[in-house]
C-alpha atoms as a PDB file:
ATOM      1  CA  MET A   1       0.000   0.000   0.000  1.00  0.00           C
ATOM      2  CA  LYS A   2       1.337   3.455  -0.859  1.00  0.00           C
ATOM      3  CA  ILE A   3       1.135   6.027   1.931  1.00  0.00           C
ATOM      4  CA  GLU A   4       1.792   9.667   1.072  1.00  0.00           C
ATOM      5  CA  ILE A   5       3.017  12.146   3.681  1.00  0.00           C
ATOM      6  CA  ASN A   6       1.685  15.690   3.541  1.00  0.00           C
ATOM      7  CA  PRO A   7       3.650  18.034   5.844  1.00  0.00           C
ATOM      8  CA  ASP A   8       0.552  20.214   6.266  1.00  0.00           C
ATOM      9  CA  GLU A   9      -1.734  17.370   7.366  1.00  0.00           C
ATOM     10  CA  THR A  10      -2.449  16.188  10.904  1.00  0.00           C
ATOM     11  CA  TRP A  11      -0.141  13.799  12.768  1.00  0.00           C
ATOM     12  CA  TYR A  12      -1.696  11.313  15.231  1.00  0.00           C
ATOM     13  CA  HIS A  13      -0.645   9.229  18.208  1.00  0.00           C
ATOM     14  CA  GLY A  14      -2.701   6.504  19.876  1.00  0.00           C
ATOM     15  CA  SER A  15      -2.139   5.406  23.457  1.00  0.00           C
ATOM     16  CA  ASN A  16      -3.840   3.642  26.336  1.00  0.00           C
ATOM     17  CA  LYS A  17      -2.711   6.434  28.673  1.00  0.00           C
ATOM     18  CA  LYS A  18      -3.620  10.101  29.154  1.00  0.00           C
ATOM     19  CA  PHE A  19      -0.868  12.738  29.040  1.00  0.00           C
ATOM     20  CA  GLU A  20      -0.084  16.232  27.719  1.00  0.00           C
ATOM     21  CA  LYS A  21       3.353  15.759  26.158  1.00  0.00           C
ATOM     22  CA  LEU A  22       4.503  12.924  23.905  1.00  0.00           C
ATOM     23  CA  ARG A  23       7.901  11.485  24.815  1.00  0.00           C
ATOM     24  CA  GLU A  24      10.893  11.393  22.508  1.00  0.00           C
ATOM     25  CA  GLY A  25      10.982   8.037  20.689  1.00  0.00           C
ATOM     26  CA  SER A  26       7.190   7.734  20.453  1.00  0.00           C
ATOM     27  CA  THR A  27       5.433   6.600  17.295  1.00  0.00           C
ATOM     28  CA  ILE A  28       3.287   8.999  15.253  1.00  0.00           C
ATOM     29  CA  THR A  29       1.479   8.644  11.947  1.00  0.00           C
ATOM     30  CA  GLN A  30      -0.713  10.575   9.538  1.00  0.00           C
ATOM     31  CA  TRP A  31      -2.925   7.495   9.233  1.00  0.00           C
ATOM     32  CA  LYS A  32      -5.603   8.184  11.848  1.00  0.00           C
ATOM     33  CA  GLU A  33      -7.018   4.649  11.854  1.00  0.00           C
ATOM     34  CA  LEU A  34      -3.553   3.207  12.499  1.00  0.00           C
ATOM     35  CA  ALA A  35      -3.093   5.452  15.548  1.00  0.00           C
ATOM     36  CA  GLU A  36      -6.549   4.408  16.767  1.00  0.00           C
ATOM     37  CA  ALA A  37      -5.630   0.722  16.391  1.00  0.00           C
ATOM     38  CA  PHE A  38      -2.312   1.181  18.229  1.00  0.00           C
ATOM     39  CA  SER A  39      -4.138   2.908  21.090  1.00  0.00           C
ATOM     40  CA  HIS A  40      -5.652  -0.465  22.020  1.00  0.00           C
ATOM     41  CA  GLN A  41      -2.143  -1.946  22.616  1.00  0.00           C
ATOM     42  CA  PRO A  42      -2.358  -4.912  20.230  1.00  0.00           C
ATOM     43  CA  SER A  43       0.284  -7.628  20.222  1.00  0.00           C
ATOM     44  CA  GLY A  44      -0.646  -8.269  16.594  1.00  0.00           C
ATOM     45  CA  LEU A  45      -1.684  -5.775  13.927  1.00  0.00           C
ATOM     46  CA  GLY A  46      -1.920  -5.959  10.154  1.00  0.00           C
ATOM     47  CA  TYR A  47      -3.649  -4.323   7.232  1.00  0.00           C
ATOM     48  CA  ASP A  48      -4.562  -5.264   3.687  1.00  0.00           C
ATOM     49  CA  ASP A  49      -3.847  -3.443   0.419  1.00  0.00           C
ATOM     50  CA  ASP A  50      -7.056  -1.422   0.862  1.00  0.00           C
ATOM     51  CA  GLY A  51      -5.951  -0.132   4.275  1.00  0.00           C
ATOM     52  CA  VAL A  52      -8.366  -2.241   6.322  1.00  0.00           C
ATOM     53  CA  ILE A  53      -6.692  -2.768   9.712  1.00  0.00           C
ATOM     54  CA  GLN A  54      -7.037  -5.881  11.850  1.00  0.00           C
ATOM     55  CA  HIS A  55      -5.656  -6.069  15.398  1.00  0.00           C
ATOM     56  CA  ASN A  56      -6.090  -7.976  18.637  1.00  0.00           C
ATOM     57  CA  GLY A  57      -5.858  -5.040  21.074  1.00  0.00           C
ATOM     58  CA  THR A  58      -8.286  -5.024  23.982  1.00  0.00           C
ATOM     59  CA  GLU A  59      -7.473  -1.904  26.023  1.00  0.00           C
ATOM     60  CA  LYS A  60      -9.402   1.356  26.058  1.00  0.00           C
ATOM     61  CA  GLY A  61      -7.538   3.843  23.895  1.00  0.00           C
ATOM     62  CA  TYR A  62      -6.997   7.566  23.565  1.00  0.00           C
ATOM     63  CA  LEU A  63      -6.408   9.427  20.313  1.00  0.00           C
ATOM     64  CA  TYR A  64      -4.154  12.490  20.195  1.00  0.00           C
ATOM     65  CA  ILE A  65      -3.037  14.913  17.526  1.00  0.00           C
ATOM     66  CA  ILE A  66       0.366  16.534  17.554  1.00  0.00           C
ATOM     67  CA  ASP A  67      -0.296  20.141  18.505  1.00  0.00           C
ATOM     68  CA  GLU A  68       2.776  21.830  17.063  1.00  0.00           C
ATOM     69  CA  PRO A  69       4.512  21.990  13.672  1.00  0.00           C
ATOM     70  CA  ILE A  70       6.433  18.878  12.579  1.00  0.00           C
ATOM     71  CA  VAL A  71       9.375  18.763  10.173  1.00  0.00           C
ATOM     72  CA  VAL A  72      10.117  15.313   8.737  1.00  0.00           C
ATOM     73  CA  GLY A  73      13.810  14.519   9.200  1.00  0.00           C
ATOM     74  CA  GLU A  74      14.217  17.178  11.873  1.00  0.00           C
ATOM     75  CA  ASP A  75      11.513  16.385  14.446  1.00  0.00           C
ATOM     76  CA  ILE A  76      10.630  12.861  13.313  1.00  0.00           C
ATOM     77  CA  TYR A  77      12.119  10.048  11.228  1.00  0.00           C
ATOM     78  CA  GLN A  78      10.942   6.827   9.584  1.00  0.00           C
ATOM     79  CA  HIS A  79      10.621   3.982  12.072  1.00  0.00           C
ATOM     80  CA  PRO A  80      13.794   1.982  11.290  1.00  0.00           C
ATOM     81  CA  THR A  81      12.454  -1.472  12.173  1.00  0.00           C
ATOM     82  CA  THR A  82       8.844  -1.236  11.073  1.00  0.00           C
ATOM     83  CA  THR A  83       7.252  -4.104   9.186  1.00  0.00           C
ATOM     84  CA  MET A  84       4.728  -1.681   7.683  1.00  0.00           C
ATOM     85  CA  ASP A  85       4.844   0.194   4.414  1.00  0.00           C
ATOM     86  CA  LEU A  86       6.991   3.282   3.917  1.00  0.00           C
ATOM     87  CA  ASN A  87       5.508   6.369   5.628  1.00  0.00           C
ATOM     88  CA  ALA A  88       3.166   4.358   7.884  1.00  0.00           C
ATOM     89  CA  GLU A  89       4.932   5.183  11.130  1.00  0.00           C
ATOM     90  CA  PHE A  90       7.545   7.624  12.339  1.00  0.00           C
ATOM     91  CA  LEU A  91       9.449   8.062  15.599  1.00  0.00           C
ATOM     92  CA  THR A  92       9.783  11.382  17.395  1.00  0.00           C
ATOM     93  CA  LYS A  93      13.220  12.938  17.976  1.00  0.00           C
ATOM     94  CA  ARG A  94      12.017  15.191  20.786  1.00  0.00           C
ATOM     95  CA  PRO A  95       9.056  15.592  23.145  1.00  0.00           C
ATOM     96  CA  LEU A  96       5.996  16.974  21.332  1.00  0.00           C
ATOM     97  CA  LYS A  97       2.921  18.815  22.567  1.00  0.00           C
ATOM     98  CA  VAL A  98      -0.289  16.861  21.985  1.00  0.00           C
ATOM     99  CA  ARG A  99      -3.984  17.605  22.105  1.00  0.00           C
ATOM    100  CA  PHE A 100      -6.449  14.958  23.264  1.00  0.00           C
ATOM    101  CA  VAL A 101      -9.042  14.165  20.586  1.00  0.00           C
ATOM    102  CA  GLU A 102     -11.187  11.316  21.869  1.00  0.00           C
ATOM    103  CA  GLU A 103     -11.513   8.230  24.020  1.00  0.00           C
ATOM    104  CA  LEU A 104     -11.719   5.050  21.936  1.00  0.00           C
ATOM    105  CA  GLU A 105     -13.685   1.972  22.973  1.00  0.00           C
ATOM    106  CA  ILE A 106     -13.044  -1.474  21.537  1.00  0.00           C
END
Protein backbone atom coordinates (compact mmCIF):
# COMPACT_ATOMS: atom_id res chain seq x y z
CA MET A 1 0.00 0.00 0.00
CA LYS A 2 1.34 3.46 -0.86
CA ILE A 3 1.14 6.03 1.93
CA GLU A 4 1.79 9.67 1.07
CA ILE A 5 3.02 12.15 3.68
CA ASN A 6 1.68 15.69 3.54
CA PRO A 7 3.65 18.03 5.84
CA ASP A 8 0.55 20.21 6.27
CA GLU A 9 -1.73 17.37 7.37
CA THR A 10 -2.45 16.19 10.90
CA TRP A 11 -0.14 13.80 12.77
CA TYR A 12 -1.70 11.31 15.23
CA HIS A 13 -0.65 9.23 18.21
CA GLY A 14 -2.70 6.50 19.88
CA SER A 15 -2.14 5.41 23.46
CA ASN A 16 -3.84 3.64 26.34
CA LYS A 17 -2.71 6.43 28.67
CA LYS A 18 -3.62 10.10 29.15
CA PHE A 19 -0.87 12.74 29.04
CA GLU A 20 -0.08 16.23 27.72
CA LYS A 21 3.35 15.76 26.16
CA LEU A 22 4.50 12.92 23.91
CA ARG A 23 7.90 11.49 24.81
CA GLU A 24 10.89 11.39 22.51
CA GLY A 25 10.98 8.04 20.69
CA SER A 26 7.19 7.73 20.45
CA THR A 27 5.43 6.60 17.30
CA ILE A 28 3.29 9.00 15.25
CA THR A 29 1.48 8.64 11.95
CA GLN A 30 -0.71 10.57 9.54
CA TRP A 31 -2.93 7.49 9.23
CA LYS A 32 -5.60 8.18 11.85
CA GLU A 33 -7.02 4.65 11.85
CA LEU A 34 -3.55 3.21 12.50
CA ALA A 35 -3.09 5.45 15.55
CA GLU A 36 -6.55 4.41 16.77
CA ALA A 37 -5.63 0.72 16.39
CA PHE A 38 -2.31 1.18 18.23
CA SER A 39 -4.14 2.91 21.09
CA HIS A 40 -5.65 -0.47 22.02
CA GLN A 41 -2.14 -1.95 22.62
CA PRO A 42 -2.36 -4.91 20.23
CA SER A 43 0.28 -7.63 20.22
CA GLY A 44 -0.65 -8.27 16.59
CA LEU A 45 -1.68 -5.77 13.93
CA GLY A 46 -1.92 -5.96 10.15
CA TYR A 47 -3.65 -4.32 7.23
CA ASP A 48 -4.56 -5.26 3.69
CA ASP A 49 -3.85 -3.44 0.42
CA ASP A 50 -7.06 -1.42 0.86
CA GLY A 51 -5.95 -0.13 4.28
CA VAL A 52 -8.37 -2.24 6.32
CA ILE A 53 -6.69 -2.77 9.71
CA GLN A 54 -7.04 -5.88 11.85
CA HIS A 55 -5.66 -6.07 15.40
CA ASN A 56 -6.09 -7.98 18.64
CA GLY A 57 -5.86 -5.04 21.07
CA THR A 58 -8.29 -5.02 23.98
CA GLU A 59 -7.47 -1.90 26.02
CA LYS A 60 -9.40 1.36 26.06
CA GLY A 61 -7.54 3.84 23.89
CA TYR A 62 -7.00 7.57 23.56
CA LEU A 63 -6.41 9.43 20.31
CA TYR A 64 -4.15 12.49 20.20
CA ILE A 65 -3.04 14.91 17.53
CA ILE A 66 0.37 16.53 17.55
CA ASP A 67 -0.30 20.14 18.51
CA GLU A 68 2.78 21.83 17.06
CA PRO A 69 4.51 21.99 13.67
CA ILE A 70 6.43 18.88 12.58
CA VAL A 71 9.37 18.76 10.17
CA VAL A 72 10.12 15.31 8.74
CA GLY A 73 13.81 14.52 9.20
CA GLU A 74 14.22 17.18 11.87
CA ASP A 75 11.51 16.38 14.45
CA ILE A 76 10.63 12.86 13.31
CA TYR A 77 12.12 10.05 11.23
CA GLN A 78 10.94 6.83 9.58
CA HIS A 79 10.62 3.98 12.07
CA PRO A 80 13.79 1.98 11.29
CA THR A 81 12.45 -1.47 12.17
CA THR A 82 8.84 -1.24 11.07
CA THR A 83 7.25 -4.10 9.19
CA MET A 84 4.73 -1.68 7.68
CA ASP A 85 4.84 0.19 4.41
CA LEU A 86 6.99 3.28 3.92
CA ASN A 87 5.51 6.37 5.63
CA ALA A 88 3.17 4.36 7.88
CA GLU A 89 4.93 5.18 11.13
CA PHE A 90 7.54 7.62 12.34
CA LEU A 91 9.45 8.06 15.60
CA THR A 92 9.78 11.38 17.39
CA LYS A 93 13.22 12.94 17.98
CA ARG A 94 12.02 15.19 20.79
CA PRO A 95 9.06 15.59 23.14
CA LEU A 96 6.00 16.97 21.33
CA LYS A 97 2.92 18.82 22.57
CA VAL A 98 -0.29 16.86 21.98
CA ARG A 99 -3.98 17.60 22.10
CA PHE A 100 -6.45 14.96 23.26
CA VAL A 101 -9.04 14.17 20.59
CA GLU A 102 -11.19 11.32 21.87
CA GLU A 103 -11.51 8.23 24.02
CA LEU A 104 -11.72 5.05 21.94
CA GLU A 105 -13.69 1.97 22.97
CA ILE A 106 -13.04 -1.47 21.54
